[in-house]
PDB file of N, CA and C in Angstrom:
ATOM      1  N   UNK A   1      60.782 122.797  98.566  1.00  0.00           N
ATOM      2  CA  UNK A   1      61.603 123.081  99.726  1.00  0.00           C
ATOM      3  C   UNK A   1      61.067 124.305 100.477  1.00  0.00           C
ATOM      4  N   UNK A   2      60.650 125.327  99.733  1.00  0.00           N
ATOM      5  CA  UNK A   2      60.138 126.533 100.381  1.00  0.00           C
ATOM      6  C   UNK A   2      58.901 126.219 101.214  1.00  0.00           C
ATOM      7  N   UNK A   3      58.015 125.376 100.663  1.00  0.00           N
ATOM      8  CA  UNK A   3      56.785 125.029 101.375  1.00  0.00           C
ATOM      9  C   UNK A   3      57.105 124.261 102.652  1.00  0.00           C
ATOM     10  N   UNK A   4      58.114 123.395 102.598  1.00  0.00           N
ATOM     11  CA  UNK A   4      58.505 122.641 103.785  1.00  0.00           C
ATOM     12  C   UNK A   4      59.006 123.588 104.874  1.00  0.00           C
ATOM     13  N   UNK A   5      59.808 124.565 104.473  1.00  0.00           N
ATOM     14  CA  UNK A   5      60.327 125.528 105.447  1.00  0.00           C
ATOM     15  C   UNK A   5      59.190 126.340 106.050  1.00  0.00           C
ATOM     16  N   UNK A   6      58.243 126.766 105.197  1.00  0.00           N
ATOM     17  CA  UNK A   6      57.099 127.522 105.679  1.00  0.00           C
ATOM     18  C   UNK A   6      56.289 126.689 106.676  1.00  0.00           C
ATOM     19  N   UNK A   7      56.061 125.433 106.322  1.00  0.00           N
ATOM     20  CA  UNK A   7      55.276 124.545 107.185  1.00  0.00           C
ATOM     21  C   UNK A   7      55.994 124.311 108.514  1.00  0.00           C
ATOM     22  N   UNK A   8      57.300 124.157 108.461  1.00  0.00           N
ATOM     23  CA  UNK A   8      58.081 123.930 109.679  1.00  0.00           C
ATOM     24  C   UNK A   8      58.035 125.163 110.582  1.00  0.00           C
ATOM     25  N   UNK A   9      58.171 126.353 109.994  1.00  0.00           N
ATOM     26  CA  UNK A   9      58.084 127.590 110.773  1.00  0.00           C
ATOM     27  C   UNK A   9      56.703 127.705 111.407  1.00  0.00           C
ATOM     28  N   UNK A  10      55.662 127.377 110.648  1.00  0.00           N
ATOM     29  CA  UNK A  10      54.285 127.434 111.158  1.00  0.00           C
ATOM     30  C   UNK A  10      54.111 126.460 112.318  1.00  0.00           C
ATOM     31  N   UNK A  11      54.613 125.228 112.166  1.00  0.00           N
ATOM     32  CA  UNK A  11      54.477 124.208 113.203  1.00  0.00           C
ATOM     33  C   UNK A  11      55.176 124.653 114.498  1.00  0.00           C
ATOM     34  N   UNK A  12      56.393 125.173 114.345  1.00  0.00           N
ATOM     35  CA  UNK A  12      57.134 125.639 115.522  1.00  0.00           C
ATOM     36  C   UNK A  12      56.457 126.842 116.182  1.00  0.00           C
ATOM     37  N   UNK A  13      55.905 127.721 115.365  1.00  0.00           N
ATOM     38  CA  UNK A  13      55.196 128.887 115.898  1.00  0.00           C
ATOM     39  C   UNK A  13      53.963 128.449 116.686  1.00  0.00           C
ATOM     40  N   UNK A  14      53.265 127.431 116.164  1.00  0.00           N
ATOM     41  CA  UNK A  14      52.091 126.906 116.870  1.00  0.00           C
ATOM     42  C   UNK A  14      52.492 126.296 118.211  1.00  0.00           C
ATOM     43  N   UNK A  15      53.611 125.570 118.218  1.00  0.00           N
ATOM     44  CA  UNK A  15      54.102 124.992 119.476  1.00  0.00           C
ATOM     45  C   UNK A  15      54.447 126.088 120.479  1.00  0.00           C
ATOM     46  N   UNK A  16      55.099 127.135 119.983  1.00  0.00           N
ATOM     47  CA  UNK A  16      55.475 128.257 120.841  1.00  0.00           C
ATOM     48  C   UNK A  16      54.234 128.922 121.420  1.00  0.00           C
ATOM     49  N   UNK A  17      53.206 129.082 120.591  1.00  0.00           N
ATOM     50  CA  UNK A  17      51.952 129.676 121.028  1.00  0.00           C
ATOM     51  C   UNK A  17      51.314 128.830 122.137  1.00  0.00           C
ATOM     52  N   UNK A  18      51.328 127.508 121.958  1.00  0.00           N
ATOM     53  CA  UNK A  18      50.770 126.608 122.972  1.00  0.00           C
ATOM     54  C   UNK A  18      51.525 126.751 124.294  1.00  0.00           C
ATOM     55  N   UNK A  19      52.853 126.858 124.205  1.00  0.00           N
ATOM     56  CA  UNK A  19      53.651 127.030 125.423  1.00  0.00           C
ATOM     57  C   UNK A  19      53.346 128.364 126.098  1.00  0.00           C
ATOM     58  N   UNK A  20      53.126 129.398 125.292  1.00  0.00           N
ATOM     59  CA  UNK A  20      52.798 130.715 125.860  1.00  0.00           C
ATOM     60  C   UNK A  20      51.475 130.664 126.627  1.00  0.00           C
ATOM     61  N   UNK A  21      50.539 129.824 126.156  1.00  0.00           N
ATOM     62  CA  UNK A  21      49.258 129.701 126.851  1.00  0.00           C
ATOM     63  C   UNK A  21      49.386 128.900 128.145  1.00  0.00           C
ATOM     64  N   UNK A  22      50.349 127.992 128.201  1.00  0.00           N
ATOM     65  CA  UNK A  22      50.556 127.185 129.411  1.00  0.00           C
ATOM     66  C   UNK A  22      51.274 127.975 130.508  1.00  0.00           C
ATOM     67  N   UNK A  23      52.070 128.953 130.112  1.00  0.00           N
ATOM     68  CA  UNK A  23      52.916 129.671 131.063  1.00  0.00           C
ATOM     69  C   UNK A  23      52.146 130.303 132.223  1.00  0.00           C
ATOM     70  N   UNK A  24      51.038 131.034 131.999  1.00  0.00           N
ATOM     71  CA  UNK A  24      50.323 131.648 133.139  1.00  0.00           C
ATOM     72  C   UNK A  24      49.825 130.606 134.152  1.00  0.00           C
ATOM     73  N   UNK A  25      49.380 129.450 133.656  1.00  0.00           N
ATOM     74  CA  UNK A  25      48.893 128.404 134.553  1.00  0.00           C
ATOM     75  C   UNK A  25      50.020 127.894 135.452  1.00  0.00           C
ATOM     76  N   UNK A  26      51.213 127.725 134.865  1.00  0.00           N
ATOM     77  CA  UNK A  26      52.343 127.259 135.651  1.00  0.00           C
ATOM     78  C   UNK A  26      52.808 128.321 136.650  1.00  0.00           C
ATOM     79  N   UNK A  27      52.710 129.578 136.265  1.00  0.00           N
ATOM     80  CA  UNK A  27      53.083 130.659 137.185  1.00  0.00           C
ATOM     81  C   UNK A  27      52.150 130.666 138.397  1.00  0.00           C
ATOM     82  N   UNK A  28      50.856 130.446 138.145  1.00  0.00           N
ATOM     83  CA  UNK A  28      49.879 130.425 139.236  1.00  0.00           C
ATOM     84  C   UNK A  28      50.121 129.250 140.176  1.00  0.00           C
ATOM     85  N   UNK A  29      50.439 128.085 139.594  1.00  0.00           N
ATOM     86  CA  UNK A  29      50.624 126.896 140.422  1.00  0.00           C
ATOM     87  C   UNK A  29      51.940 126.953 141.201  1.00  0.00           C
ATOM     88  N   UNK A  30      52.900 127.712 140.718  1.00  0.00           N
ATOM     89  CA  UNK A  30      54.170 127.876 141.423  1.00  0.00           C
ATOM     90  C   UNK A  30      55.117 126.705 141.239  1.00  0.00           C
ATOM     91  N   UNK A  31      54.896 125.890 140.206  1.00  0.00           N
ATOM     92  CA  UNK A  31      55.768 124.735 139.939  1.00  0.00           C
ATOM     93  C   UNK A  31      57.007 125.213 139.186  1.00  0.00           C
ATOM     94  N   UNK A  32      58.064 125.486 139.954  1.00  0.00           N
ATOM     95  CA  UNK A  32      59.274 126.084 139.378  1.00  0.00           C
ATOM     96  C   UNK A  32      59.976 125.146 138.410  1.00  0.00           C
ATOM     97  N   UNK A  33      59.956 123.853 138.692  1.00  0.00           N
ATOM     98  CA  UNK A  33      60.651 122.891 137.831  1.00  0.00           C
ATOM     99  C   UNK A  33      60.020 122.841 136.440  1.00  0.00           C
ATOM    100  N   UNK A  34      58.689 122.732 136.401  1.00  0.00           N
ATOM    101  CA  UNK A  34      57.994 122.686 135.109  1.00  0.00           C
ATOM    102  C   UNK A  34      58.123 124.025 134.381  1.00  0.00           C
ATOM    103  N   UNK A  35      58.091 125.104 135.145  1.00  0.00           N
ATOM    104  CA  UNK A  35      58.228 126.440 134.545  1.00  0.00           C
ATOM    105  C   UNK A  35      59.604 126.595 133.909  1.00  0.00           C
ATOM    106  N   UNK A  36      60.642 126.103 134.579  1.00  0.00           N
ATOM    107  CA  UNK A  36      62.000 126.150 134.028  1.00  0.00           C
ATOM    108  C   UNK A  36      62.098 125.369 132.730  1.00  0.00           C
ATOM    109  N   UNK A  37      61.488 124.174 132.693  1.00  0.00           N
ATOM    110  CA  UNK A  37      61.480 123.360 131.468  1.00  0.00           C
ATOM    111  C   UNK A  37      60.754 124.090 130.348  1.00  0.00           C
ATOM    112  N   UNK A  38      59.616 124.700 130.699  1.00  0.00           N
ATOM    113  CA  UNK A  38      58.821 125.418 129.709  1.00  0.00           C
ATOM    114  C   UNK A  38      59.621 126.575 129.112  1.00  0.00           C
ATOM    115  N   UNK A  39      60.302 127.339 129.957  1.00  0.00           N
ATOM    116  CA  UNK A  39      61.082 128.481 129.466  1.00  0.00           C
ATOM    117  C   UNK A  39      62.241 128.023 128.596  1.00  0.00           C
ATOM    118  N   UNK A  40      62.862 126.911 128.964  1.00  0.00           N
ATOM    119  CA  UNK A  40      63.971 126.368 128.178  1.00  0.00           C
ATOM    120  C   UNK A  40      63.468 125.922 126.799  1.00  0.00           C
ATOM    121  N   UNK A  41      62.299 125.254 126.795  1.00  0.00           N
ATOM    122  CA  UNK A  41      61.717 124.792 125.532  1.00  0.00           C
ATOM    123  C   UNK A  41      61.314 125.973 124.649  1.00  0.00           C
ATOM    124  N   UNK A  42      60.755 127.026 125.287  1.00  0.00           N
ATOM    125  CA  UNK A  42      60.388 128.232 124.526  1.00  0.00           C
ATOM    126  C   UNK A  42      61.615 128.843 123.863  1.00  0.00           C
ATOM    127  N   UNK A  43      62.714 128.902 124.600  1.00  0.00           N
ATOM    128  CA  UNK A  43      63.939 129.504 124.063  1.00  0.00           C
ATOM    129  C   UNK A  43      64.456 128.717 122.859  1.00  0.00           C
ATOM    130  N   UNK A  44      64.439 127.376 122.962  1.00  0.00           N
ATOM    131  CA  UNK A  44      64.911 126.567 121.825  1.00  0.00           C
ATOM    132  C   UNK A  44      64.003 126.751 120.617  1.00  0.00           C
ATOM    133  N   UNK A  45      62.686 126.845 120.837  1.00  0.00           N
ATOM    134  CA  UNK A  45      61.754 127.060 119.719  1.00  0.00           C
ATOM    135  C   UNK A  45      62.002 128.410 119.050  1.00  0.00           C
ATOM    136  N   UNK A  46      62.189 129.449 119.855  1.00  0.00           N
ATOM    137  CA  UNK A  46      62.428 130.789 119.300  1.00  0.00           C
ATOM    138  C   UNK A  46      63.711 130.790 118.475  1.00  0.00           C
ATOM    139  N   UNK A  47      64.764 130.148 118.992  1.00  0.00           N
ATOM    140  CA  UNK A  47      66.028 130.090 118.266  1.00  0.00           C
ATOM    141  C   UNK A  47      65.876 129.335 116.944  1.00  0.00           C
ATOM    142  N   UNK A  48      65.152 128.238 116.955  1.00  0.00           N
ATOM    143  CA  UNK A  48      64.954 127.438 115.742  1.00  0.00           C
ATOM    144  C   UNK A  48      64.135 128.209 114.706  1.00  0.00           C
ATOM    145  N   UNK A  49      63.102 128.908 115.153  1.00  0.00           N
ATOM    146  CA  UNK A  49      62.276 129.715 114.234  1.00  0.00           C
ATOM    147  C   UNK A  49      63.134 130.804 113.595  1.00  0.00           C
ATOM    148  N   UNK A  50      63.952 131.479 114.395  1.00  0.00           N
ATOM    149  CA  UNK A  50      64.838 132.524 113.852  1.00  0.00           C
ATOM    150  C   UNK A  50      65.808 131.948 112.829  1.00  0.00           C
ATOM    151  N   UNK A  51      66.359 130.768 113.135  1.00  0.00           N
ATOM    152  CA  UNK A  51      67.316 130.128 112.232  1.00  0.00           C
ATOM    153  C   UNK A  51      66.642 129.803 110.889  1.00  0.00           C
ATOM    154  N   UNK A  52      65.429 129.235 110.952  1.00  0.00           N
ATOM    155  CA  UNK A  52      64.721 128.889 109.718  1.00  0.00           C
ATOM    156  C   UNK A  52      64.374 130.133 108.901  1.00  0.00           C
ATOM    157  N   UNK A  53      63.988 131.207 109.573  1.00  0.00           N
ATOM    158  CA  UNK A  53      63.666 132.449 108.849  1.00  0.00           C
ATOM    159  C   UNK A  53      64.911 133.011 108.168  1.00  0.00           C
ATOM    160  N   UNK A  54      66.053 132.940 108.846  1.00  0.00           N
ATOM    161  CA  UNK A  54      67.296 133.429 108.249  1.00  0.00           C
ATOM    162  C   UNK A  54      67.679 132.605 107.036  1.00  0.00           C
ATOM    163  N   UNK A  55      67.478 131.293 107.100  1.00  0.00           N
ATOM    164  CA  UNK A  55      67.769 130.414 105.960  1.00  0.00           C
ATOM    165  C   UNK A  55      66.912 130.825 104.769  1.00  0.00           C
ATOM    166  N   UNK A  56      65.618 131.073 105.029  1.00  0.00           N
ATOM    167  CA  UNK A  56      64.717 131.504 103.950  1.00  0.00           C
ATOM    168  C   UNK A  56      65.173 132.819 103.350  1.00  0.00           C
ATOM    169  N   UNK A  57      65.551 133.773 104.195  1.00  0.00           N
ATOM    170  CA  UNK A  57      65.990 135.085 103.711  1.00  0.00           C
ATOM    171  C   UNK A  57      67.267 134.975 102.892  1.00  0.00           C
ATOM    172  N   UNK A  58      68.188 134.107 103.304  1.00  0.00           N
ATOM    173  CA  UNK A  58      69.428 133.934 102.554  1.00  0.00           C
ATOM    174  C   UNK A  58      69.143 133.352 101.181  1.00  0.00           C
ATOM    175  N   UNK A  59      68.214 132.401 101.103  1.00  0.00           N
ATOM    176  CA  UNK A  59      67.850 131.831  99.804  1.00  0.00           C
ATOM    177  C   UNK A  59      67.247 132.899  98.909  1.00  0.00           C
ATOM    178  N   UNK A  60      66.364 133.718  99.481  1.00  0.00           N
ATOM    179  CA  UNK A  60      65.775 134.806  98.707  1.00  0.00           C
ATOM    180  C   UNK A  60      66.866 135.771  98.256  1.00  0.00           C
ATOM    181  N   UNK A  61      67.785 136.054  99.142  1.00  0.00           N
ATOM    182  CA  UNK A  61      68.834 137.004  98.800  1.00  0.00           C
ATOM    183  C   UNK A  61      69.687 136.491  97.646  1.00  0.00           C
ATOM    184  N   UNK A  62      69.984 135.194  97.637  1.00  0.00           N
ATOM    185  CA  UNK A  62      70.769 134.630  96.531  1.00  0.00           C
ATOM    186  C   UNK A  62      70.019 134.803  95.217  1.00  0.00           C
ATOM    187  N   UNK A  63      68.717 134.504  95.243  1.00  0.00           N
ATOM    188  CA  UNK A  63      67.913 134.645  94.026  1.00  0.00           C
ATOM    189  C   UNK A  63      67.853 136.110  93.591  1.00  0.00           C
ATOM    190  N   UNK A  64      67.698 137.011  94.557  1.00  0.00           N
ATOM    191  CA  UNK A  64      67.652 138.444  94.241  1.00  0.00           C
ATOM    192  C   UNK A  64      68.983 138.914  93.671  1.00  0.00           C
ATOM    193  N   UNK A  65      70.080 138.431  94.218  1.00  0.00           N
ATOM    194  CA  UNK A  65      71.395 138.812  93.710  1.00  0.00           C
ATOM    195  C   UNK A  65      71.575 138.327  92.277  1.00  0.00           C
ATOM    196  N   UNK A  66      71.127 137.102  92.000  1.00  0.00           N
ATOM    197  CA  UNK A  66      71.237 136.570  90.640  1.00  0.00           C
ATOM    198  C   UNK A  66      70.445 137.418  89.659  1.00  0.00           C
ATOM    199  N   UNK A  67      69.249 137.845  90.051  1.00  0.00           N
ATOM    200  CA  UNK A  67      68.438 138.679  89.164  1.00  0.00           C
ATOM    201  C   UNK A  67      69.083 140.041  88.944  1.00  0.00           C
ATOM    202  N   UNK A  68      69.623 140.621  89.990  1.00  0.00           N
ATOM    203  CA  UNK A  68      70.218 141.944  89.846  1.00  0.00           C
ATOM    204  C   UNK A  68      71.500 141.909  89.026  1.00  0.00           C
ATOM    205  N   UNK A  69      72.128 140.748  88.919  1.00  0.00           N
ATOM    206  CA  UNK A  69      73.330 140.629  88.104  1.00  0.00           C
ATOM    207  C   UNK A  69      73.003 140.542  86.617  1.00  0.00           C
ATOM    208  N   UNK A  70      71.742 140.212  86.292  1.00  0.00           N
ATOM    209  CA  UNK A  70      71.374 140.168  84.878  1.00  0.00           C
ATOM    210  C   UNK A  70      71.492 141.576  84.299  1.00  0.00           C
ATOM    211  N   UNK A  71      72.057 141.681  83.094  1.00  0.00           N
ATOM    212  CA  UNK A  71      72.386 143.003  82.556  1.00  0.00           C
ATOM    213  C   UNK A  71      71.194 143.873  82.151  1.00  0.00           C
ATOM    214  N   UNK A  72      70.009 143.278  81.953  1.00  0.00           N
ATOM    215  CA  UNK A  72      68.910 144.097  81.454  1.00  0.00           C
ATOM    216  C   UNK A  72      67.643 143.848  82.264  1.00  0.00           C
ATOM    217  N   UNK A  73      66.977 144.930  82.656  1.00  0.00           N
ATOM    218  CA  UNK A  73      65.685 144.812  83.335  1.00  0.00           C
ATOM    219  C   UNK A  73      64.840 146.030  83.006  1.00  0.00           C
ATOM    220  N   UNK A  74      63.539 145.799  82.953  1.00  0.00           N
ATOM    221  CA  UNK A  74      62.602 146.910  82.756  1.00  0.00           C
ATOM    222  C   UNK A  74      61.216 146.473  83.206  1.00  0.00           C
ATOM    223  N   UNK A  75      60.325 147.460  83.396  1.00  0.00           N
ATOM    224  CA  UNK A  75      58.964 147.130  83.808  1.00  0.00           C
ATOM    225  C   UNK A  75      58.223 146.505  82.631  1.00  0.00           C
ATOM    226  N   UNK A  76      57.276 145.653  82.954  1.00  0.00           N
ATOM    227  CA  UNK A  76      56.468 144.976  81.936  1.00  0.00           C
ATOM    228  C   UNK A  76      55.203 145.807  81.736  1.00  0.00           C
ATOM    229  N   UNK A  77      54.926 146.193  80.476  1.00  0.00           N
ATOM    230  CA  UNK A  77      53.750 147.019  80.190  1.00  0.00           C
ATOM    231  C   UNK A  77      52.475 146.201  80.366  1.00  0.00           C
ATOM    232  N   UNK A  78      51.355 146.900  80.483  1.00  0.00           N
ATOM    233  CA  UNK A  78      50.048 146.233  80.636  1.00  0.00           C
ATOM    234  C   UNK A  78      49.753 145.346  79.426  1.00  0.00           C
ATOM    235  N   UNK A  79      50.116 145.823  78.255  1.00  0.00           N
ATOM    236  CA  UNK A  79      49.874 145.060  77.030  1.00  0.00           C
ATOM    237  C   UNK A  79      50.682 143.760  77.050  1.00  0.00           C
ATOM    238  N   UNK A  80      51.942 143.845  77.503  1.00  0.00           N
ATOM    239  CA  UNK A  80      52.787 142.649  77.607  1.00  0.00           C
ATOM    240  C   UNK A  80      52.268 141.708  78.692  1.00  0.00           C
ATOM    241  N   UNK A  81      51.757 142.275  79.774  1.00  0.00           N
ATOM    242  CA  UNK A  81      51.211 141.449  80.847  1.00  0.00           C
ATOM    243  C   UNK A  81      50.008 140.649  80.367  1.00  0.00           C
ATOM    244  N   UNK A  82      49.234 141.242  79.460  1.00  0.00           N
ATOM    245  CA  UNK A  82      48.049 140.569  78.942  1.00  0.00           C
ATOM    246  C   UNK A  82      48.419 139.347  78.108  1.00  0.00           C
ATOM    247  N   UNK A  83      49.581 139.390  77.469  1.00  0.00           N
ATOM    248  CA  UNK A  83      50.007 138.260  76.638  1.00  0.00           C
ATOM    249  C   UNK A  83      51.388 137.784  77.118  1.00  0.00           C
ATOM    250  N   UNK A  84      51.449 137.347  78.365  1.00  0.00           N
ATOM    251  CA  UNK A  84      52.709 136.965  78.997  1.00  0.00           C
ATOM    252  C   UNK A  84      53.353 135.761  78.300  1.00  0.00           C
ATOM    253  N   UNK A  85      52.547 134.833  77.832  1.00  0.00           N
ATOM    254  CA  UNK A  85      53.082 133.644  77.163  1.00  0.00           C
ATOM    255  C   UNK A  85      53.902 134.008  75.935  1.00  0.00           C
ATOM    256  N   UNK A  86      53.387 134.900  75.115  1.00  0.00           N
ATOM    257  CA  UNK A  86      54.098 135.316  73.905  1.00  0.00           C
ATOM    258  C   UNK A  86      55.385 136.055  74.266  1.00  0.00           C
ATOM    259  N   UNK A  87      55.323 136.868  75.310  1.00  0.00           N
ATOM    260  CA  UNK A  87      56.512 137.605  75.730  1.00  0.00           C
ATOM    261  C   UNK A  87      57.603 136.642  76.189  1.00  0.00           C
ATOM    262  N   UNK A  88      57.229 135.656  77.003  1.00  0.00           N
ATOM    263  CA  UNK A  88      58.223 134.701  77.496  1.00  0.00           C
ATOM    264  C   UNK A  88      58.803 133.852  76.375  1.00  0.00           C
ATOM    265  N   UNK A  89      57.999 133.562  75.352  1.00  0.00           N
ATOM    266  CA  UNK A  89      58.511 132.789  74.210  1.00  0.00           C
ATOM    267  C   UNK A  89      59.470 133.622  73.371  1.00  0.00           C
ATOM    268  N   UNK A  90      59.194 134.918  73.266  1.00  0.00           N
ATOM    269  CA  UNK A  90      60.028 135.769  72.418  1.00  0.00           C
ATOM    270  C   UNK A  90      61.343 136.163  73.091  1.00  0.00           C
ATOM    271  N   UNK A  91      61.386 136.146  74.419  1.00  0.00           N
ATOM    272  CA  UNK A  91      62.604 136.540  75.140  1.00  0.00           C
ATOM    273  C   UNK A  91      63.117 135.339  75.907  1.00  0.00           C
ATOM    274  N   UNK A  92      64.225 134.800  75.453  1.00  0.00           N
ATOM    275  CA  UNK A  92      64.795 133.626  76.128  1.00  0.00           C
ATOM    276  C   UNK A  92      65.368 134.008  77.486  1.00  0.00           C
ATOM    277  N   UNK A  93      65.063 133.203  78.496  1.00  0.00           N
ATOM    278  CA  UNK A  93      65.624 133.427  79.830  1.00  0.00           C
ATOM    279  C   UNK A  93      64.993 134.582  80.591  1.00  0.00           C
ATOM    280  N   UNK A  94      63.814 135.017  80.173  1.00  0.00           N
ATOM    281  CA  UNK A  94      63.134 136.123  80.847  1.00  0.00           C
ATOM    282  C   UNK A  94      62.597 135.654  82.204  1.00  0.00           C
ATOM    283  N   UNK A  95      62.878 136.440  83.234  1.00  0.00           N
ATOM    284  CA  UNK A  95      62.339 136.167  84.564  1.00  0.00           C
ATOM    285  C   UNK A  95      61.479 137.365  84.940  1.00  0.00           C
ATOM    286  N   UNK A  96      60.193 137.106  85.206  1.00  0.00           N
ATOM    287  CA  UNK A  96      59.268 138.173  85.560  1.00  0.00           C
ATOM    288  C   UNK A  96      59.009 138.099  87.063  1.00  0.00           C
ATOM    289  N   UNK A  97      59.149 139.254  87.734  1.00  0.00           N
ATOM    290  CA  UNK A  97      58.956 139.310  89.181  1.00  0.00           C
ATOM    291  C   UNK A  97      57.818 140.274  89.496  1.00  0.00           C
ATOM    292  N   UNK A  98      56.833 139.782  90.237  1.00  0.00           N
ATOM    293  CA  UNK A  98      55.689 140.597  90.647  1.00  0.00           C
ATOM    294  C   UNK A  98      56.031 141.287  91.969  1.00  0.00           C
ATOM    295  N   UNK A  99      55.630 142.544  92.154  1.00  0.00           N
ATOM    296  CA  UNK A  99      56.000 143.272  93.374  1.00  0.00           C
ATOM    297  C   UNK A  99      55.387 142.712  94.660  1.00  0.00           C
ATOM    298  N   UNK A 100      54.321 141.913  94.561  1.00  0.00           N
ATOM    299  CA  UNK A 100      53.676 141.390  95.759  1.00  0.00           C
ATOM    300  C   UNK A 100      54.277 140.063  96.236  1.00  0.00           C
ATOM    301  N   UNK A 101      55.183 139.485  95.467  1.00  0.00           N
ATOM    302  CA  UNK A 101      55.836 138.248  95.907  1.00  0.00           C
ATOM    303  C   UNK A 101      56.940 138.595  96.901  1.00  0.00           C
ATOM    304  N   UNK A 102      57.417 137.583  97.618  1.00  0.00           N
ATOM    305  CA  UNK A 102      58.491 137.818  98.594  1.00  0.00           C
ATOM    306  C   UNK A 102      59.728 138.373  97.895  1.00  0.00           C
ATOM    307  N   UNK A 103      60.036 137.824  96.733  1.00  0.00           N
ATOM    308  CA  UNK A 103      61.197 138.290  95.973  1.00  0.00           C
ATOM    309  C   UNK A 103      60.992 139.729  95.522  1.00  0.00           C
ATOM    310  N   UNK A 104      59.803 140.051  95.058  1.00  0.00           N
ATOM    311  CA  UNK A 104      59.497 141.414  94.632  1.00  0.00           C
ATOM    312  C   UNK A 104      59.592 142.414  95.763  1.00  0.00           C
ATOM    313  N   UNK A 105      59.108 142.024  96.938  1.00  0.00           N
ATOM    314  CA  UNK A 105      59.201 142.916  98.101  1.00  0.00           C
ATOM    315  C   UNK A 105      60.654 143.112  98.498  1.00  0.00           C
ATOM    316  N   UNK A 106      61.428 142.028  98.432  1.00  0.00           N
ATOM    317  CA  UNK A 106      62.844 142.137  98.797  1.00  0.00           C
ATOM    318  C   UNK A 106      63.584 143.075  97.850  1.00  0.00           C
ATOM    319  N   UNK A 107      63.257 142.996  96.575  1.00  0.00           N
ATOM    320  CA  UNK A 107      63.903 143.854  95.584  1.00  0.00           C
ATOM    321  C   UNK A 107      63.350 145.278  95.624  1.00  0.00           C
ATOM    322  N   UNK A 108      62.256 145.490  96.350  1.00  0.00           N
ATOM    323  CA  UNK A 108      61.662 146.817  96.471  1.00  0.00           C
ATOM    324  C   UNK A 108      60.954 147.264  95.204  1.00  0.00           C
ATOM    325  N   UNK A 109      60.355 146.320  94.494  1.00  0.00           N
ATOM    326  CA  UNK A 109      59.686 146.646  93.234  1.00  0.00           C
ATOM    327  C   UNK A 109      58.343 147.317  93.477  1.00  0.00           C
ATOM    328  N   UNK A 110      57.984 148.228  92.573  1.00  0.00           N
ATOM    329  CA  UNK A 110      56.673 148.876  92.620  1.00  0.00           C
ATOM    330  C   UNK A 110      55.793 148.389  91.464  1.00  0.00           C
ATOM    331  N   UNK A 111      56.435 147.881  90.396  1.00  0.00           N
ATOM    332  CA  UNK A 111      55.708 147.396  89.225  1.00  0.00           C
ATOM    333  C   UNK A 111      56.267 146.044  88.817  1.00  0.00           C
ATOM    334  N   UNK A 112      55.471 145.287  88.049  1.00  0.00           N
ATOM    335  CA  UNK A 112      55.941 144.011  87.535  1.00  0.00           C
ATOM    336  C   UNK A 112      57.164 144.265  86.651  1.00  0.00           C
ATOM    337  N   UNK A 113      58.242 143.551  86.920  1.00  0.00           N
ATOM    338  CA  UNK A 113      59.515 143.802  86.257  1.00  0.00           C
ATOM    339  C   UNK A 113      60.053 142.528  85.643  1.00  0.00           C
ATOM    340  N   UNK A 114      60.661 142.675  84.473  1.00  0.00           N
ATOM    341  CA  UNK A 114      61.279 141.549  83.790  1.00  0.00           C
ATOM    342  C   UNK A 114      62.797 141.684  83.797  1.00  0.00           C
ATOM    343  N   UNK A 115      63.485 140.557  84.002  1.00  0.00           N
ATOM    344  CA  UNK A 115      64.941 140.527  84.005  1.00  0.00           C
ATOM    345  C   UNK A 115      65.392 139.554  82.941  1.00  0.00           C
ATOM    346  N   UNK A 116      66.387 139.956  82.128  1.00  0.00           N
ATOM    347  CA  UNK A 116      66.880 139.083  81.071  1.00  0.00           C
ATOM    348  C   UNK A 116      68.333 139.416  80.771  1.00  0.00           C
ATOM    349  N   UNK A 117      68.972 138.503  80.011  1.00  0.00           N
ATOM    350  CA  UNK A 117      70.365 138.723  79.626  1.00  0.00           C
ATOM    351  C   UNK A 117      70.485 139.692  78.467  1.00  0.00           C
ATOM    352  N   UNK A 118      69.430 139.757  77.629  1.00  0.00           N
ATOM    353  CA  UNK A 118      69.443 140.636  76.455  1.00  0.00           C
ATOM    354  C   UNK A 118      68.285 141.620  76.534  1.00  0.00           C
ATOM    355  N   UNK A 119      68.424 142.787  75.915  1.00  0.00           N
ATOM    356  CA  UNK A 119      67.313 143.753  75.899  1.00  0.00           C
ATOM    357  C   UNK A 119      66.058 143.153  75.260  1.00  0.00           C
ATOM    358  N   UNK A 120      64.919 143.558  75.777  1.00  0.00           N
ATOM    359  CA  UNK A 120      63.634 143.095  75.198  1.00  0.00           C
ATOM    360  C   UNK A 120      62.656 144.228  75.157  1.00  0.00           C
TER     361      UNK A 120
END
């Protein structure tokens, strides 16, 4: 679902870009009717892109809220990062968030962090 939303935002952005390139030509030609249609179409594209971005942010926010509600979190050491499979097997329900992912940026993480229901 996330990839579909990303692709849709990209497609709409490309359409908007194409319309932005057509605008100067229409201004030069002085065709007010076509220019009005172009501006109306640009406005609908901008609104749709904003709506899709907000939907994505709300989904991220729900996931971030769920992680922050988990009672235990701590940074993952380099040694644990090297053997992530063993760590995930030993801690049931462990969710690891990297600071460079969208979720990590939203949470404001500086280091790889693990979230779980029980201390680990």
